[in-house]
C-alpha atoms as a PDB file:
ATOM      1  CA  MET A   1      43.473 -43.638 -26.373  1.00  0.00           C
ATOM      2  CA  ASN A   2      40.190 -42.432 -26.233  1.00  0.00           C
ATOM      3  CA  TYR A   3      39.311 -40.322 -23.105  1.00  0.00           C
ATOM      4  CA  ILE A   4      35.284 -40.271 -22.814  1.00  0.00           C
ATOM      5  CA  PHE A   5      33.367 -37.924 -20.804  1.00  0.00           C
ATOM      6  CA  LEU A   6      29.686 -39.157 -21.858  1.00  0.00           C
ATOM      7  CA  SER A   7      28.258 -42.331 -20.751  1.00  0.00           C
ATOM      8  CA  LEU A   8      26.610 -44.525 -23.068  1.00  0.00           C
ATOM      9  CA  GLU A   9      23.165 -43.516 -21.625  1.00  0.00           C
ATOM     10  CA  GLU A  10      24.172 -39.779 -22.526  1.00  0.00           C
ATOM     11  CA  GLN A  11      25.242 -40.584 -25.966  1.00  0.00           C
ATOM     12  CA  LYS A  12      22.053 -42.395 -26.900  1.00  0.00           C
ATOM     13  CA  ALA A  13      20.042 -39.513 -25.580  1.00  0.00           C
ATOM     14  CA  LEU A  14      21.810 -37.091 -27.616  1.00  0.00           C
ATOM     15  CA  GLN A  15      21.357 -39.175 -30.883  1.00  0.00           C
ATOM     16  CA  HIS A  16      17.511 -39.649 -29.875  1.00  0.00           C
ATOM     17  CA  TRP A  17      17.217 -35.977 -29.276  1.00  0.00           C
ATOM     18  CA  HIS A  18      18.931 -35.306 -32.662  1.00  0.00           C
ATOM     19  CA  ARG A  19      16.582 -37.573 -34.381  1.00  0.00           C
ATOM     20  CA  LEU A  20      13.597 -35.923 -32.805  1.00  0.00           C
ATOM     21  CA  LEU A  21      14.969 -32.573 -33.773  1.00  0.00           C
ATOM     22  CA  GLU A  22      14.052 -33.410 -37.698  1.00  0.00           C
ATOM     23  CA  SER A  23      10.738 -33.395 -36.855  1.00  0.00           C
ATOM     24  CA  ASN A  24      10.738 -30.526 -34.707  1.00  0.00           C
ATOM     25  CA  ARG A  25      11.903 -27.620 -36.892  1.00  0.00           C
ATOM     26  CA  GLY A  26      10.886 -24.982 -34.648  1.00  0.00           C
ATOM     27  CA  ASP A  27      13.220 -25.952 -32.082  1.00  0.00           C
ATOM     28  CA  ARG A  28      16.050 -26.397 -34.663  1.00  0.00           C
ATOM     29  CA  ALA A  29      15.414 -23.180 -36.081  1.00  0.00           C
ATOM     30  CA  ARG A  30      15.786 -21.282 -32.608  1.00  0.00           C
ATOM     31  CA  LEU A  31      19.009 -23.375 -31.871  1.00  0.00           C
ATOM     32  CA  ARG A  32      20.532 -22.330 -35.244  1.00  0.00           C
ATOM     33  CA  ARG A  33      19.720 -18.938 -35.002  1.00  0.00           C
ATOM     34  CA  ALA A  34      22.058 -18.701 -31.792  1.00  0.00           C
ATOM     35  CA  GLU A  35      25.341 -17.087 -32.566  1.00  0.00           C
ATOM     36  CA  ARG A  36      26.778 -18.493 -29.644  1.00  0.00           C
ATOM     37  CA  ALA A  37      26.065 -20.768 -26.403  1.00  0.00           C
ATOM     38  CA  GLU A  38      24.910 -18.041 -24.312  1.00  0.00           C
ATOM     39  CA  ASP A  39      22.296 -17.170 -27.136  1.00  0.00           C
ATOM     40  CA  VAL A  40      21.319 -20.990 -26.682  1.00  0.00           C
ATOM     41  CA  LEU A  41      20.497 -20.444 -22.952  1.00  0.00           C
ATOM     42  CA  LEU A  42      17.767 -18.069 -24.004  1.00  0.00           C
ATOM     43  CA  THR A  43      15.679 -20.387 -25.951  1.00  0.00           C
ATOM     44  CA  ASP A  44      12.785 -22.296 -25.151  1.00  0.00           C
ATOM     45  CA  ALA A  45      14.280 -25.014 -27.403  1.00  0.00           C
ATOM     46  CA  PHE A  46      17.271 -25.429 -25.034  1.00  0.00           C
ATOM     47  CA  PHE A  47      14.882 -26.350 -22.363  1.00  0.00           C
ATOM     48  CA  HIS A  48      13.093 -29.027 -24.504  1.00  0.00           C
ATOM     49  CA  PHE A  49      16.801 -30.513 -25.081  1.00  0.00           C
ATOM     50  CA  LEU A  50      17.432 -30.451 -21.369  1.00  0.00           C
ATOM     51  CA  GLN A  51      14.349 -32.308 -20.810  1.00  0.00           C
ATOM     52  CA  GLN A  52      15.497 -35.208 -23.133  1.00  0.00           C
ATOM     53  CA  MET A  53      18.663 -34.964 -21.213  1.00  0.00           C
ATOM     54  CA  PRO A  54      20.095 -36.677 -17.872  1.00  0.00           C
ATOM     55  CA  GLU A  55      19.480 -34.426 -15.008  1.00  0.00           C
ATOM     56  CA  SER A  56      23.213 -33.907 -14.644  1.00  0.00           C
ATOM     57  CA  TRP A  57      23.057 -31.698 -17.722  1.00  0.00           C
ATOM     58  CA  ARG A  58      20.739 -29.231 -16.015  1.00  0.00           C
ATOM     59  CA  LYS A  59      23.510 -28.497 -13.080  1.00  0.00           C
ATOM     60  CA  GLU A  60      25.112 -25.061 -12.810  1.00  0.00           C
ATOM     61  CA  LYS A  61      28.566 -25.984 -13.879  1.00  0.00           C
ATOM     62  CA  ALA A  62      27.242 -28.115 -16.881  1.00  0.00           C
ATOM     63  CA  ILE A  63      24.742 -25.509 -18.323  1.00  0.00           C
ATOM     64  CA  PHE A  64      26.994 -23.551 -20.545  1.00  0.00           C
ATOM     65  CA  ALA A  65      28.659 -26.888 -22.186  1.00  0.00           C
ATOM     66  CA  SER A  66      25.032 -28.248 -22.324  1.00  0.00           C
ATOM     67  CA  ALA A  67      23.838 -25.142 -24.134  1.00  0.00           C
ATOM     68  CA  ALA A  68      26.853 -25.378 -26.467  1.00  0.00           C
ATOM     69  CA  VAL A  69      26.149 -28.928 -27.458  1.00  0.00           C
ATOM     70  CA  ALA A  70      22.652 -28.522 -27.960  1.00  0.00           C
ATOM     71  CA  GLY A  71      23.164 -25.282 -30.186  1.00  0.00           C
ATOM     72  CA  LEU A  72      26.095 -26.823 -32.297  1.00  0.00           C
ATOM     73  CA  LEU A  73      24.236 -30.215 -32.721  1.00  0.00           C
ATOM     74  CA  SER A  74      21.486 -28.434 -34.163  1.00  0.00           C
ATOM     75  CA  HIS A  75      23.517 -27.856 -37.136  1.00  0.00           C
ATOM     76  CA  ILE A  76      24.398 -31.468 -37.847  1.00  0.00           C
ATOM     77  CA  LYS A  77      22.644 -32.982 -40.726  1.00  0.00           C
ATOM     78  CA  GLU A  78      23.522 -36.606 -40.202  1.00  0.00           C
ATOM     79  CA  ASP A  79      25.324 -38.696 -37.308  1.00  0.00           C
ATOM     80  CA  ARG A  80      28.358 -40.292 -39.286  1.00  0.00           C
ATOM     81  CA  GLN A  81      29.728 -43.268 -37.414  1.00  0.00           C
ATOM     82  CA  VAL A  82      32.503 -44.845 -39.723  1.00  0.00           C
ATOM     83  CA  LEU A  83      35.635 -46.747 -38.495  1.00  0.00           C
ATOM     84  CA  SER A  84      38.622 -44.671 -37.546  1.00  0.00           C
ATOM     85  CA  ARG A  85      41.624 -45.038 -40.221  1.00  0.00           C
ATOM     86  CA  GLY A  86      43.943 -44.408 -37.336  1.00  0.00           C
ATOM     87  CA  TYR A  87      44.397 -46.872 -34.361  1.00  0.00           C
ATOM     88  CA  GLN A  88      42.145 -49.775 -34.369  1.00  0.00           C
ATOM     89  CA  PRO A  89      42.705 -52.895 -31.501  1.00  0.00           C
ATOM     90  CA  LYS A  90      44.887 -55.643 -32.463  1.00  0.00           C
ATOM     91  CA  ASP A  91      42.487 -57.794 -30.414  1.00  0.00           C
ATOM     92  CA  GLU A  92      39.331 -58.833 -32.467  1.00  0.00           C
ATOM     93  CA  LYS A  93      37.187 -59.215 -29.505  1.00  0.00           C
ATOM     94  CA  LYS A  94      37.610 -55.345 -28.523  1.00  0.00           C
ATOM     95  CA  PRO A  95      35.400 -52.882 -30.254  1.00  0.00           C
ATOM     96  CA  LYS A  96      36.555 -50.951 -33.294  1.00  0.00           C
ATOM     97  CA  ARG A  97      36.929 -47.422 -32.780  1.00  0.00           C
ATOM     98  CA  THR A  98      34.688 -45.004 -35.036  1.00  0.00           C
ATOM     99  CA  ALA A  99      36.285 -41.924 -36.512  1.00  0.00           C
ATOM    100  CA  SER A 100      36.359 -39.014 -34.141  1.00  0.00           C
ATOM    101  CA  PHE A 101      35.378 -35.582 -34.998  1.00  0.00           C
ATOM    102  CA  ALA A 102      39.139 -34.355 -35.252  1.00  0.00           C
ATOM    103  CA  GLU A 103      39.837 -37.277 -37.629  1.00  0.00           C
ATOM    104  CA  GLN A 104      36.574 -36.429 -39.932  1.00  0.00           C
ATOM    105  CA  LEU A 105      38.170 -32.914 -40.133  1.00  0.00           C
ATOM    106  CA  ALA A 106      41.570 -34.512 -41.742  1.00  0.00           C
ATOM    107  CA  VAL A 107      39.784 -37.218 -44.333  1.00  0.00           C
ATOM    108  CA  PRO A 108      38.918 -35.703 -47.571  1.00  0.00           C
ATOM    109  CA  ILE A 109      35.275 -35.974 -48.817  1.00  0.00           C
ATOM    110  CA  LYS A 110      35.805 -34.891 -52.327  1.00  0.00           C
ATOM    111  CA  GLY A 111      39.145 -34.939 -53.749  1.00  0.00           C
ATOM    112  CA  LYS A 112      42.554 -35.195 -52.004  1.00  0.00           C
ATOM    113  CA  LYS A 113      42.200 -32.006 -49.569  1.00  0.00           C
ATOM    114  CA  PRO A 114      40.906 -32.305 -45.983  1.00  0.00           C
ATOM    115  CA  PRO A 115      37.716 -30.570 -44.986  1.00  0.00           C
ATOM    116  CA  MET A 116      39.685 -28.347 -42.648  1.00  0.00           C
ATOM    117  CA  SER A 117      43.165 -27.119 -43.465  1.00  0.00           C
ATOM    118  CA  GLU A 118      46.058 -27.350 -40.994  1.00  0.00           C
ATOM    119  CA  LEU A 119      45.724 -23.651 -40.331  1.00  0.00           C
ATOM    120  CA  ARG A 120      41.959 -23.557 -39.670  1.00  0.00           C
ATOM    121  CA  PHE A 121      42.519 -26.499 -37.557  1.00  0.00           C
ATOM    122  CA  GLN A 122      45.167 -25.159 -35.416  1.00  0.00           C
ATOM    123  CA  GLN A 123      43.020 -21.821 -34.843  1.00  0.00           C
ATOM    124  CA  LEU A 124      40.097 -24.120 -33.688  1.00  0.00           C
ATOM    125  CA  GLN A 125      42.711 -25.877 -31.262  1.00  0.00           C
ATOM    126  CA  LYS A 126      43.678 -22.513 -29.830  1.00  0.00           C
ATOM    127  CA  SER A 127      40.294 -21.038 -29.216  1.00  0.00           C
ATOM    128  CA  ARG A 128      40.752 -18.881 -26.404  1.00  0.00           C
ATOM    129  CA  THR A 129      36.626 -17.767 -25.475  1.00  0.00           C
ATOM    130  CA  THR A 130      33.736 -19.626 -25.516  1.00  0.00           C
ATOM    131  CA  ASP A 131      32.459 -17.580 -28.645  1.00  0.00           C
ATOM    132  CA  ASP A 132      35.442 -18.398 -30.472  1.00  0.00           C
ATOM    133  CA  PHE A 133      35.217 -21.864 -29.933  1.00  0.00           C
ATOM    134  CA  TYR A 134      31.463 -22.242 -30.928  1.00  0.00           C
ATOM    135  CA  ARG A 135      32.050 -20.028 -34.010  1.00  0.00           C
ATOM    136  CA  ARG A 136      34.961 -22.157 -34.959  1.00  0.00           C
ATOM    137  CA  VAL A 137      33.331 -25.515 -34.361  1.00  0.00           C
ATOM    138  CA  LEU A 138      30.154 -24.214 -36.239  1.00  0.00           C
ATOM    139  CA  ARG A 139      32.522 -23.432 -38.963  1.00  0.00           C
ATOM    140  CA  ALA A 140      34.004 -27.111 -38.736  1.00  0.00           C
ATOM    141  CA  ILE A 141      30.597 -28.373 -39.017  1.00  0.00           C
ATOM    142  CA  ARG A 142      29.664 -26.683 -42.079  1.00  0.00           C
ATOM    143  CA  LEU A 143      33.039 -27.862 -43.863  1.00  0.00           C
ATOM    144  CA  LEU A 144      31.878 -31.303 -43.020  1.00  0.00           C
ATOM    145  CA  ASP A 145      28.595 -30.776 -44.789  1.00  0.00           C
ATOM    146  CA  GLY A 146      26.736 -31.266 -41.578  1.00  0.00           C
ATOM    147  CA  ILE A 147      27.799 -34.889 -41.702  1.00  0.00           C
ATOM    148  CA  VAL A 148      29.559 -35.658 -38.078  1.00  0.00           C
ATOM    149  CA  ASN A 149      30.021 -38.236 -35.462  1.00  0.00           C
ATOM    150  CA  ILE A 150      27.703 -36.697 -32.722  1.00  0.00           C
ATOM    151  CA  PRO A 151      28.992 -38.580 -29.752  1.00  0.00           C
ATOM    152  CA  SER A 152      32.634 -37.399 -30.644  1.00  0.00           C
ATOM    153  CA  LEU A 153      31.625 -33.761 -31.151  1.00  0.00           C
ATOM    154  CA  ALA A 154      29.526 -33.749 -28.214  1.00  0.00           C
ATOM    155  CA  ASP A 155      32.340 -35.451 -25.931  1.00  0.00           C
ATOM    156  CA  ASP A 156      34.733 -32.883 -27.186  1.00  0.00           C
ATOM    157  CA  ILE A 157      32.608 -29.940 -26.669  1.00  0.00           C
ATOM    158  CA  ILE A 158      32.304 -31.047 -23.134  1.00  0.00           C
ATOM    159  CA  HIS A 159      36.100 -31.641 -22.809  1.00  0.00           C
ATOM    160  CA  TRP A 160      37.028 -28.241 -23.997  1.00  0.00           C
ATOM    161  CA  HIS A 161      34.402 -26.726 -21.536  1.00  0.00           C
ATOM    162  CA  ARG A 162      35.900 -28.486 -18.628  1.00  0.00           C
ATOM    163  CA  GLU A 163      39.536 -27.491 -19.719  1.00  0.00           C
ATOM    164  CA  PHE A 164      38.251 -23.816 -20.266  1.00  0.00           C
ATOM    165  CA  ASP A 165      36.695 -23.871 -16.634  1.00  0.00           C
ATOM    166  CA  ASN A 166      40.608 -24.462 -15.457  1.00  0.00           C
ATOM    167  CA  GLN A 167      40.042 -28.415 -15.253  1.00  0.00           C
ATOM    168  CA  ILE A 168      43.234 -29.303 -17.423  1.00  0.00           C
ATOM    169  CA  ASP A 169      44.795 -32.627 -17.079  1.00  0.00           C
ATOM    170  CA  ARG A 170      48.439 -33.051 -15.805  1.00  0.00           C
ATOM    171  CA  GLU A 171      49.003 -35.496 -18.524  1.00  0.00           C
ATOM    172  CA  PRO A 172      49.283 -33.812 -22.126  1.00  0.00           C
ATOM    173  CA  ALA A 173      47.999 -37.158 -23.430  1.00  0.00           C
ATOM    174  CA  LYS A 174      44.756 -36.506 -21.802  1.00  0.00           C
ATOM    175  CA  ARG A 175      44.278 -32.845 -22.922  1.00  0.00           C
ATOM    176  CA  LEU A 176      41.614 -32.326 -25.828  1.00  0.00           C
ATOM    177  CA  ALA A 177      44.359 -30.238 -28.038  1.00  0.00           C
ATOM    178  CA  VAL A 178      46.902 -33.290 -27.947  1.00  0.00           C
ATOM    179  CA  ARG A 179      43.994 -35.811 -28.710  1.00  0.00           C
ATOM    180  CA  TRP A 180      42.514 -33.597 -31.684  1.00  0.00           C
ATOM    181  CA  ALA A 181      46.150 -33.251 -32.894  1.00  0.00           C
ATOM    182  CA  THR A 182      47.118 -37.274 -32.969  1.00  0.00           C
ATOM    183  CA  ASP A 183      43.614 -37.985 -34.516  1.00  0.00           C
ATOM    184  CA  TYR A 184      43.990 -35.109 -37.247  1.00  0.00           C
ATOM    185  CA  PHE A 185      47.481 -35.542 -38.292  1.00  0.00           C
ATOM    186  CA  THR A 186      47.410 -39.387 -38.140  1.00  0.00           C
ATOM    187  CA  ALA A 187      44.391 -39.474 -40.696  1.00  0.00           C
ATOM    188  CA  LEU A 188      45.744 -36.446 -42.646  1.00  0.00           C
ATOM    189  CA  PRO A 189      46.544 -37.574 -46.174  1.00  0.00           C
ATOM    190  CA  LYS A 190      50.374 -37.522 -46.719  1.00  0.00           C
ATOM    191  CA  GLU A 191      50.344 -34.983 -49.524  1.00  0.00           C
ATOM    192  CA  SER A 192      48.380 -32.579 -47.203  1.00  0.00           C
ATOM    193  CA  ASN A 193      51.002 -32.639 -44.735  1.00  0.00           C
ATOM    194  CA  LYS A 194      53.286 -30.231 -46.221  1.00  0.00           C
ATOM    195  CA  GLY A 195      51.384 -27.063 -44.982  1.00  0.00           C
ATOM    196  CA  GLU A 196      49.588 -24.498 -46.615  1.00  0.00           C
END
């Protein structure tokens, strides 16, 4: 199941902003220099980002997650939307599911090994601070050579920040770590499932 926090309007705004970032290298460079979301908040590039996004992204409760999204997405070279290897609806009329960020971390790019090992994936899942999370997601983007599903990653960043702010869902299946584990381990090649 997919638990989506971003509206279609927000997804399109993010993808549009990311395309504009290609021609605005100054903003991209300032965002990329930020080592954590807090550093992103102090850049003019972040306020240019907010101007492209719906007003809800500027609200006090959302501002830190917004900064994390802007900073991390600035490291993405290409928005990759490919069909998921995992669950697809049996009904042909329903839309096909694209590979999530967590699934991308399990699907080999070159060779037989997944871009992110199980150990690093588990460390990412267990990030305890906003700085750890930011640093580990940045590492994951680099392991994917900057080719990432932008709406999926942005949604996951927002989901993580909501849970970090003590808004954890009572249903385990709706928690980000469970969703990530399902997507990652379902897509992980069988020979990789034996551990490190």
